[in-house]
Amino acid sequence: MVTRRFITLSIFALVVGLFFAAQAPQAVRAECGVNHTVVSGQNLFRISLRYGVTVEAIARANNIADVRRIYAGQVLFIPCASGTTGGATTTTTTTTTTTTTTTTGGVGAVGTPTAAVDCAGFRATSPLDGFNDGPTTFYWDGPKGGSSVIIYQVIVLDDKGTRIVSFDTASGITRVTGNVGFDAIGGRSKFSWFVIAIADGVEVCRTSTYPVQRAWNPNAGLSP
């Protein structure tokens, strides 16, 4: 009788143990060296916890001046912490692995499309002295190995580092005209901009970020 009761209690304890083990949260392998698309409700702190990378490291890798300001749909490059290497890409792109390299003239490759892209020589050339108060043409030198680049995108930031407008163009065209006037993007006079090259849906190269001022507009006087 005692033996049967002992066996029954042992089986019960085993079942309970297995149940709670199944309910325990499973550790998720932190990944880095990947692109992350921001969804509604996310902030840099939560994203940093997910990947095991500091908020400061993510902000520095993406030229984010204000860590409190990111937006849904923004694509962030997640750098690796010191001494670690990147894992498999889990973003909604066609890549399977991601690497980071630094090259002359650009911030470097932040993705690996179906064909490698050499970012050397990728740099913005104009306007570096200021925006017009209206349509402005942007120029840049394409990456040395840019044959697989599908589109270029000029991204304009306000004085707080927040993205306010972007202009796209096709492969092989290294200029685009966009309206950065007061009536199009609002007040303020200080901005910055950079260009990214996108291949197979992945950002592969990025130029440095260039601070500029816009031509004075009397209507913008209340927004420094």
C-alpha atoms as a PDB file:
ATOM      1  CA  MET A   1       0.000   0.000   0.000  1.00  0.00           C
ATOM      2  CA  VAL A   2       2.817   2.374   0.919  1.00  0.00           C
ATOM      3  CA  THR A   3       4.707   1.494  -2.259  1.00  0.00           C
ATOM      4  CA  ARG A   4       1.654   2.179  -4.453  1.00  0.00           C
ATOM      5  CA  ARG A   5       1.078   5.544  -2.768  1.00  0.00           C
ATOM      6  CA  PHE A   6       4.758   6.465  -3.247  1.00  0.00           C
ATOM      7  CA  ILE A   7       4.604   5.595  -6.936  1.00  0.00           C
ATOM      8  CA  THR A   8       1.400   7.641  -7.360  1.00  0.00           C
ATOM      9  CA  LEU A   9       2.932  10.689  -5.651  1.00  0.00           C
ATOM     10  CA  SER A  10       6.113  10.366  -7.735  1.00  0.00           C
ATOM     11  CA  ILE A  11       4.145  10.293 -10.992  1.00  0.00           C
ATOM     12  CA  PHE A  12       2.109  13.313  -9.869  1.00  0.00           C
ATOM     13  CA  ALA A  13       5.264  15.280  -9.003  1.00  0.00           C
ATOM     14  CA  LEU A  14       6.814  14.412 -12.354  1.00  0.00           C
ATOM     15  CA  VAL A  15       3.705  15.578 -14.271  1.00  0.00           C
ATOM     16  CA  VAL A  16       3.605  18.854 -12.328  1.00  0.00           C
ATOM     17  CA  GLY A  17       7.301  19.437 -12.954  1.00  0.00           C
ATOM     18  CA  LEU A  18       6.938  18.863 -16.697  1.00  0.00           C
ATOM     19  CA  PHE A  19       3.947  21.216 -16.816  1.00  0.00           C
ATOM     20  CA  PHE A  20       5.812  24.114 -15.223  1.00  0.00           C
ATOM     21  CA  ALA A  21       8.886  23.456 -17.317  1.00  0.00           C
ATOM     22  CA  ALA A  22       6.753  23.784 -20.454  1.00  0.00           C
ATOM     23  CA  GLN A  23       5.349  27.099 -19.226  1.00  0.00           C
ATOM     24  CA  ALA A  24       8.738  28.628 -18.423  1.00  0.00           C
ATOM     25  CA  PRO A  25       9.865  31.307 -20.885  1.00  0.00           C
ATOM     26  CA  GLN A  26      12.431  30.076 -23.362  1.00  0.00           C
ATOM     27  CA  ALA A  27      15.623  32.058 -23.826  1.00  0.00           C
ATOM     28  CA  VAL A  28      15.870  33.780 -27.183  1.00  0.00           C
ATOM     29  CA  ARG A  29      19.323  34.013 -28.742  1.00  0.00           C
ATOM     30  CA  ALA A  30      20.264  37.663 -29.036  1.00  0.00           C
ATOM     31  CA  GLU A  31      21.200  38.652 -32.566  1.00  0.00           C
ATOM     32  CA  CYS A  32      23.177  41.542 -33.935  1.00  0.00           C
ATOM     33  CA  GLY A  33      24.493  42.786 -37.232  1.00  0.00           C
ATOM     34  CA  VAL A  34      20.935  42.766 -38.561  1.00  0.00           C
ATOM     35  CA  ASN A  35      18.329  45.251 -39.758  1.00  0.00           C
ATOM     36  CA  HIS A  36      15.289  45.761 -37.518  1.00  0.00           C
ATOM     37  CA  THR A  37      12.063  47.381 -38.727  1.00  0.00           C
ATOM     38  CA  VAL A  38      10.404  49.403 -35.962  1.00  0.00           C
ATOM     39  CA  VAL A  39       6.756  48.566 -35.264  1.00  0.00           C
ATOM     40  CA  SER A  40       4.184  50.715 -33.508  1.00  0.00           C
ATOM     41  CA  GLY A  41       4.745  50.902 -29.752  1.00  0.00           C
ATOM     42  CA  GLN A  42       8.443  50.016 -29.818  1.00  0.00           C
ATOM     43  CA  ASN A  43      11.178  52.215 -28.399  1.00  0.00           C
ATOM     44  CA  LEU A  44      14.954  51.945 -28.434  1.00  0.00           C
ATOM     45  CA  PHE A  45      15.039  50.556 -24.903  1.00  0.00           C
ATOM     46  CA  ARG A  46      12.838  47.570 -25.767  1.00  0.00           C
ATOM     47  CA  ILE A  47      14.720  46.989 -29.002  1.00  0.00           C
ATOM     48  CA  SER A  48      18.045  47.066 -27.150  1.00  0.00           C
ATOM     49  CA  LEU A  49      16.777  44.424 -24.688  1.00  0.00           C
ATOM     50  CA  ARG A  50      15.666  42.196 -27.544  1.00  0.00           C
ATOM     51  CA  TYR A  51      19.081  42.171 -29.195  1.00  0.00           C
ATOM     52  CA  GLY A  52      21.290  42.519 -26.142  1.00  0.00           C
ATOM     53  CA  VAL A  53      22.847  45.752 -27.429  1.00  0.00           C
ATOM     54  CA  THR A  54      22.868  49.081 -25.608  1.00  0.00           C
ATOM     55  CA  VAL A  55      20.561  51.942 -26.585  1.00  0.00           C
ATOM     56  CA  GLU A  56      23.605  54.138 -27.140  1.00  0.00           C
ATOM     57  CA  ALA A  57      25.172  51.652 -29.565  1.00  0.00           C
ATOM     58  CA  ILE A  58      21.998  51.453 -31.674  1.00  0.00           C
ATOM     59  CA  ALA A  59      21.603  55.244 -31.680  1.00  0.00           C
ATOM     60  CA  ARG A  60      25.241  55.737 -32.693  1.00  0.00           C
ATOM     61  CA  ALA A  61      24.988  53.186 -35.525  1.00  0.00           C
ATOM     62  CA  ASN A  62      21.898  54.922 -36.959  1.00  0.00           C
ATOM     63  CA  ASN A  63      22.806  58.607 -36.416  1.00  0.00           C
ATOM     64  CA  ILE A  64      19.929  59.061 -33.954  1.00  0.00           C
ATOM     65  CA  ALA A  65      20.368  62.287 -32.023  1.00  0.00           C
ATOM     66  CA  ASP A  66      17.339  61.852 -29.736  1.00  0.00           C
ATOM     67  CA  VAL A  67      16.939  58.266 -28.480  1.00  0.00           C
ATOM     68  CA  ARG A  68      13.317  58.989 -27.592  1.00  0.00           C
ATOM     69  CA  ARG A  69      12.356  59.649 -31.196  1.00  0.00           C
ATOM     70  CA  ILE A  70      11.973  56.699 -33.540  1.00  0.00           C
ATOM     71  CA  TYR A  71       8.982  55.905 -35.751  1.00  0.00           C
ATOM     72  CA  ALA A  72       7.079  52.875 -37.021  1.00  0.00           C
ATOM     73  CA  GLY A  73       8.535  51.612 -40.286  1.00  0.00           C
ATOM     74  CA  GLN A  74      12.015  52.981 -39.557  1.00  0.00           C
ATOM     75  CA  VAL A  75      14.763  50.470 -40.396  1.00  0.00           C
ATOM     76  CA  LEU A  76      17.488  50.324 -37.752  1.00  0.00           C
ATOM     77  CA  PHE A  77      20.836  48.610 -38.087  1.00  0.00           C
ATOM     78  CA  ILE A  78      21.599  46.618 -34.919  1.00  0.00           C
ATOM     79  CA  PRO A  79      25.362  46.590 -34.288  1.00  0.00           C
ATOM     80  CA  CYS A  80      27.165  43.809 -32.445  1.00  0.00           C
ATOM     81  CA  ALA A  81      28.414  44.317 -28.922  1.00  0.00           C
ATOM     82  CA  SER A  82      32.173  44.132 -28.503  1.00  0.00           C
ATOM     83  CA  GLY A  83      33.435  40.588 -28.822  1.00  0.00           C
ATOM     84  CA  THR A  84      30.318  39.170 -30.508  1.00  0.00           C
ATOM     85  CA  THR A  85      29.409  38.312 -34.059  1.00  0.00           C
ATOM     86  CA  GLY A  86      26.187  38.626 -35.968  1.00  0.00           C
ATOM     87  CA  GLY A  87      23.564  35.940 -36.258  1.00  0.00           C
ATOM     88  CA  ALA A  88      21.048  35.062 -38.922  1.00  0.00           C
ATOM     89  CA  THR A  89      18.946  37.927 -40.257  1.00  0.00           C
ATOM     90  CA  THR A  90      15.367  37.840 -38.973  1.00  0.00           C
ATOM     91  CA  THR A  91      14.017  40.962 -40.659  1.00  0.00           C
ATOM     92  CA  THR A  92      11.574  40.911 -43.546  1.00  0.00           C
ATOM     93  CA  THR A  93      14.221  41.074 -46.224  1.00  0.00           C
ATOM     94  CA  THR A  94      15.578  38.584 -48.718  1.00  0.00           C
ATOM     95  CA  THR A  95      18.952  38.238 -47.007  1.00  0.00           C
ATOM     96  CA  THR A  96      20.051  35.314 -44.871  1.00  0.00           C
ATOM     97  CA  THR A  97      23.155  36.787 -43.276  1.00  0.00           C
ATOM     98  CA  THR A  98      24.360  40.265 -42.462  1.00  0.00           C
ATOM     99  CA  THR A  99      27.863  41.667 -42.287  1.00  0.00           C
ATOM    100  CA  THR A 100      29.295  45.061 -41.452  1.00  0.00           C
ATOM    101  CA  THR A 101      32.320  46.587 -43.169  1.00  0.00           C
ATOM    102  CA  THR A 102      33.787  50.058 -43.151  1.00  0.00           C
ATOM    103  CA  THR A 103      34.927  51.604 -46.423  1.00  0.00           C
ATOM    104  CA  THR A 104      36.395  54.888 -47.571  1.00  0.00           C
ATOM    105  CA  GLY A 105      33.801  57.512 -48.409  1.00  0.00           C
ATOM    106  CA  GLY A 106      30.820  55.811 -46.777  1.00  0.00           C
ATOM    107  CA  VAL A 107      29.585  54.612 -43.425  1.00  0.00           C
ATOM    108  CA  GLY A 108      29.808  51.064 -44.742  1.00  0.00           C
ATOM    109  CA  ALA A 109      27.722  48.121 -45.830  1.00  0.00           C
ATOM    110  CA  VAL A 110      24.889  47.196 -43.488  1.00  0.00           C
ATOM    111  CA  GLY A 111      23.498  44.246 -45.371  1.00  0.00           C
ATOM    112  CA  THR A 112      24.373  41.509 -47.815  1.00  0.00           C
ATOM    113  CA  PRO A 113      22.149  41.268 -50.911  1.00  0.00           C
ATOM    114  CA  THR A 114      22.436  38.504 -53.488  1.00  0.00           C
ATOM    115  CA  ALA A 115      25.595  40.162 -54.845  1.00  0.00           C
ATOM    116  CA  ALA A 116      28.254  41.895 -52.743  1.00  0.00           C
ATOM    117  CA  VAL A 117      28.432  45.684 -52.938  1.00  0.00           C
ATOM    118  CA  ASP A 118      31.679  47.592 -52.425  1.00  0.00           C
ATOM    119  CA  CYS A 119      30.722  50.848 -50.690  1.00  0.00           C
ATOM    120  CA  ALA A 120      34.037  52.541 -51.400  1.00  0.00           C
ATOM    121  CA  GLY A 121      33.595  55.994 -52.922  1.00  0.00           C
ATOM    122  CA  PHE A 122      29.947  56.335 -51.885  1.00  0.00           C
ATOM    123  CA  ARG A 123      29.578  59.947 -50.781  1.00  0.00           C
ATOM    124  CA  ALA A 124      27.252  62.904 -51.059  1.00  0.00           C
ATOM    125  CA  THR A 125      28.576  65.799 -53.157  1.00  0.00           C
ATOM    126  CA  SER A 126      25.860  68.488 -53.194  1.00  0.00           C
ATOM    127  CA  PRO A 127      24.331  70.484 -51.590  1.00  0.00           C
ATOM    128  CA  LEU A 128      26.880  70.645 -48.810  1.00  0.00           C
ATOM    129  CA  ASP A 129      26.592  74.405 -48.238  1.00  0.00           C
ATOM    130  CA  GLY A 130      22.834  74.659 -47.740  1.00  0.00           C
ATOM    131  CA  PHE A 131      19.304  73.925 -49.020  1.00  0.00           C
ATOM    132  CA  ASN A 132      17.203  76.128 -51.253  1.00  0.00           C
ATOM    133  CA  ASP A 133      13.885  77.264 -49.856  1.00  0.00           C
ATOM    134  CA  GLY A 134      12.089  75.057 -52.354  1.00  0.00           C
ATOM    135  CA  PRO A 135      13.081  72.344 -54.861  1.00  0.00           C
ATOM    136  CA  THR A 136      16.679  71.257 -54.318  1.00  0.00           C
ATOM    137  CA  THR A 137      18.711  68.794 -56.373  1.00  0.00           C
ATOM    138  CA  PHE A 138      20.839  66.320 -54.452  1.00  0.00           C
ATOM    139  CA  TYR A 139      23.951  64.754 -56.000  1.00  0.00           C
ATOM    140  CA  TRP A 140      26.217  61.924 -54.859  1.00  0.00           C
ATOM    141  CA  ASP A 141      28.914  59.555 -56.089  1.00  0.00           C
ATOM    142  CA  GLY A 142      27.698  55.989 -56.305  1.00  0.00           C
ATOM    143  CA  PRO A 143      29.509  53.100 -54.584  1.00  0.00           C
ATOM    144  CA  LYS A 144      32.427  51.579 -56.437  1.00  0.00           C
ATOM    145  CA  GLY A 145      30.728  48.206 -56.687  1.00  0.00           C
ATOM    146  CA  GLY A 146      27.177  49.424 -57.189  1.00  0.00           C
ATOM    147  CA  SER A 147      26.054  47.355 -60.160  1.00  0.00           C
ATOM    148  CA  SER A 148      23.420  45.549 -58.104  1.00  0.00           C
ATOM    149  CA  VAL A 149      22.026  48.683 -56.453  1.00  0.00           C
ATOM    150  CA  ILE A 150      18.348  48.969 -57.278  1.00  0.00           C
ATOM    151  CA  ILE A 151      17.476  52.360 -55.808  1.00  0.00           C
ATOM    152  CA  TYR A 152      19.045  55.263 -53.959  1.00  0.00           C
ATOM    153  CA  GLN A 153      17.250  57.186 -51.239  1.00  0.00           C
ATOM    154  CA  VAL A 154      18.044  60.660 -49.925  1.00  0.00           C
ATOM    155  CA  ILE A 155      16.938  61.060 -46.306  1.00  0.00           C
ATOM    156  CA  VAL A 156      16.507  64.514 -44.751  1.00  0.00           C
ATOM    157  CA  LEU A 157      16.546  64.996 -40.960  1.00  0.00           C
ATOM    158  CA  ASP A 158      15.520  67.984 -38.886  1.00  0.00           C
ATOM    159  CA  ASP A 159      17.785  69.633 -36.311  1.00  0.00           C
ATOM    160  CA  LYS A 160      16.811  66.996 -33.742  1.00  0.00           C
ATOM    161  CA  GLY A 161      17.824  64.122 -35.980  1.00  0.00           C
ATOM    162  CA  THR A 162      14.271  63.102 -36.819  1.00  0.00           C
ATOM    163  CA  ARG A 163      13.576  61.911 -40.354  1.00  0.00           C
ATOM    164  CA  ILE A 164      11.154  64.295 -42.036  1.00  0.00           C
ATOM    165  CA  VAL A 165      11.265  63.455 -45.750  1.00  0.00           C
ATOM    166  CA  SER A 166      12.976  61.155 -48.244  1.00  0.00           C
ATOM    167  CA  PHE A 167      13.414  61.119 -52.019  1.00  0.00           C
ATOM    168  CA  ASP A 168      13.954  57.974 -54.090  1.00  0.00           C
ATOM    169  CA  THR A 169      15.550  57.431 -57.474  1.00  0.00           C
ATOM    170  CA  ALA A 170      16.404  54.480 -59.695  1.00  0.00           C
ATOM    171  CA  SER A 171      19.603  52.482 -60.068  1.00  0.00           C
ATOM    172  CA  GLY A 172      22.357  54.225 -61.977  1.00  0.00           C
ATOM    173  CA  ILE A 173      20.942  57.720 -61.340  1.00  0.00           C
ATOM    174  CA  THR A 174      23.001  59.621 -58.792  1.00  0.00           C
ATOM    175  CA  ARG A 175      20.847  62.693 -58.389  1.00  0.00           C
ATOM    176  CA  VAL A 176      17.289  63.490 -57.378  1.00  0.00           C
ATOM    177  CA  THR A 177      15.292  66.683 -56.920  1.00  0.00           C
ATOM    178  CA  GLY A 178      13.049  67.129 -53.911  1.00  0.00           C
ATOM    179  CA  ASN A 179      11.184  70.003 -52.303  1.00  0.00           C
ATOM    180  CA  VAL A 180      12.709  71.023 -48.974  1.00  0.00           C
ATOM    181  CA  GLY A 181      11.070  74.431 -48.832  1.00  0.00           C
ATOM    182  CA  PHE A 182       9.192  75.901 -45.892  1.00  0.00           C
ATOM    183  CA  ASP A 183       5.829  75.062 -47.468  1.00  0.00           C
ATOM    184  CA  ALA A 184       6.862  71.416 -48.023  1.00  0.00           C
ATOM    185  CA  ILE A 185       8.615  70.404 -44.797  1.00  0.00           C
ATOM    186  CA  GLY A 186       7.800  73.243 -42.422  1.00  0.00           C
ATOM    187  CA  GLY A 187       9.880  75.665 -40.409  1.00  0.00           C
ATOM    188  CA  ARG A 188      13.345  75.479 -38.882  1.00  0.00           C
ATOM    189  CA  SER A 189      16.516  76.342 -40.700  1.00  0.00           C
ATOM    190  CA  LYS A 190      18.971  73.616 -39.680  1.00  0.00           C
ATOM    191  CA  PHE A 191      18.832  70.192 -41.304  1.00  0.00           C
ATOM    192  CA  SER A 192      21.059  67.267 -42.227  1.00  0.00           C
ATOM    193  CA  TRP A 193      20.925  64.630 -44.941  1.00  0.00           C
ATOM    194  CA  PHE A 194      22.510  61.434 -46.160  1.00  0.00           C
ATOM    195  CA  VAL A 195      22.045  58.918 -48.966  1.00  0.00           C
ATOM    196  CA  ILE A 196      21.499  55.172 -48.722  1.00  0.00           C
ATOM    197  CA  ALA A 197      21.877  52.570 -51.452  1.00  0.00           C
ATOM    198  CA  ILE A 198      19.351  49.725 -51.456  1.00  0.00           C
ATOM    199  CA  ALA A 199      19.850  46.375 -53.212  1.00  0.00           C
ATOM    200  CA  ASP A 200      17.350  43.513 -53.126  1.00  0.00           C
ATOM    201  CA  GLY A 201      15.309  45.409 -50.540  1.00  0.00           C
ATOM    202  CA  VAL A 202      18.286  45.802 -48.192  1.00  0.00           C
ATOM    203  CA  GLU A 203      20.218  48.935 -47.240  1.00  0.00           C
ATOM    204  CA  VAL A 204      23.761  48.102 -48.302  1.00  0.00           C
ATOM    205  CA  CYS A 205      25.622  51.428 -48.149  1.00  0.00           C
ATOM    206  CA  ARG A 206      25.178  54.757 -46.405  1.00  0.00           C
ATOM    207  CA  THR A 207      27.047  58.018 -46.828  1.00  0.00           C
ATOM    208  CA  SER A 208      28.124  60.223 -43.990  1.00  0.00           C
ATOM    209  CA  THR A 209      25.507  62.655 -42.644  1.00  0.00           C
ATOM    210  CA  TYR A 210      25.918  66.282 -43.741  1.00  0.00           C
ATOM    211  CA  PRO A 211      24.547  69.207 -41.668  1.00  0.00           C
ATOM    212  CA  VAL A 212      23.207  72.126 -43.706  1.00  0.00           C
ATOM    213  CA  GLN A 213      21.125  75.261 -43.301  1.00  0.00           C
ATOM    214  CA  ARG A 214      18.189  76.240 -45.450  1.00  0.00           C
ATOM    215  CA  ALA A 215      17.898  79.606 -47.175  1.00  0.00           C
ATOM    216  CA  TRP A 216      16.160  82.103 -44.929  1.00  0.00           C
ATOM    217  CA  ASN A 217      12.386  82.360 -45.169  1.00  0.00           C
ATOM    218  CA  PRO A 218      10.577  85.137 -43.248  1.00  0.00           C
ATOM    219  CA  ASN A 219       7.664  82.790 -42.592  1.00  0.00           C
ATOM    220  CA  ALA A 220       9.986  80.415 -40.710  1.00  0.00           C
ATOM    221  CA  GLY A 221      11.054  83.029 -38.164  1.00  0.00           C
ATOM    222  CA  LEU A 222       9.141  81.442 -35.322  1.00  0.00           C
ATOM    223  CA  SER A 223      10.795  78.025 -35.861  1.00  0.00           C
ATOM    224  CA  PRO A 224      14.538  78.353 -35.403  1.00  0.00           C
END
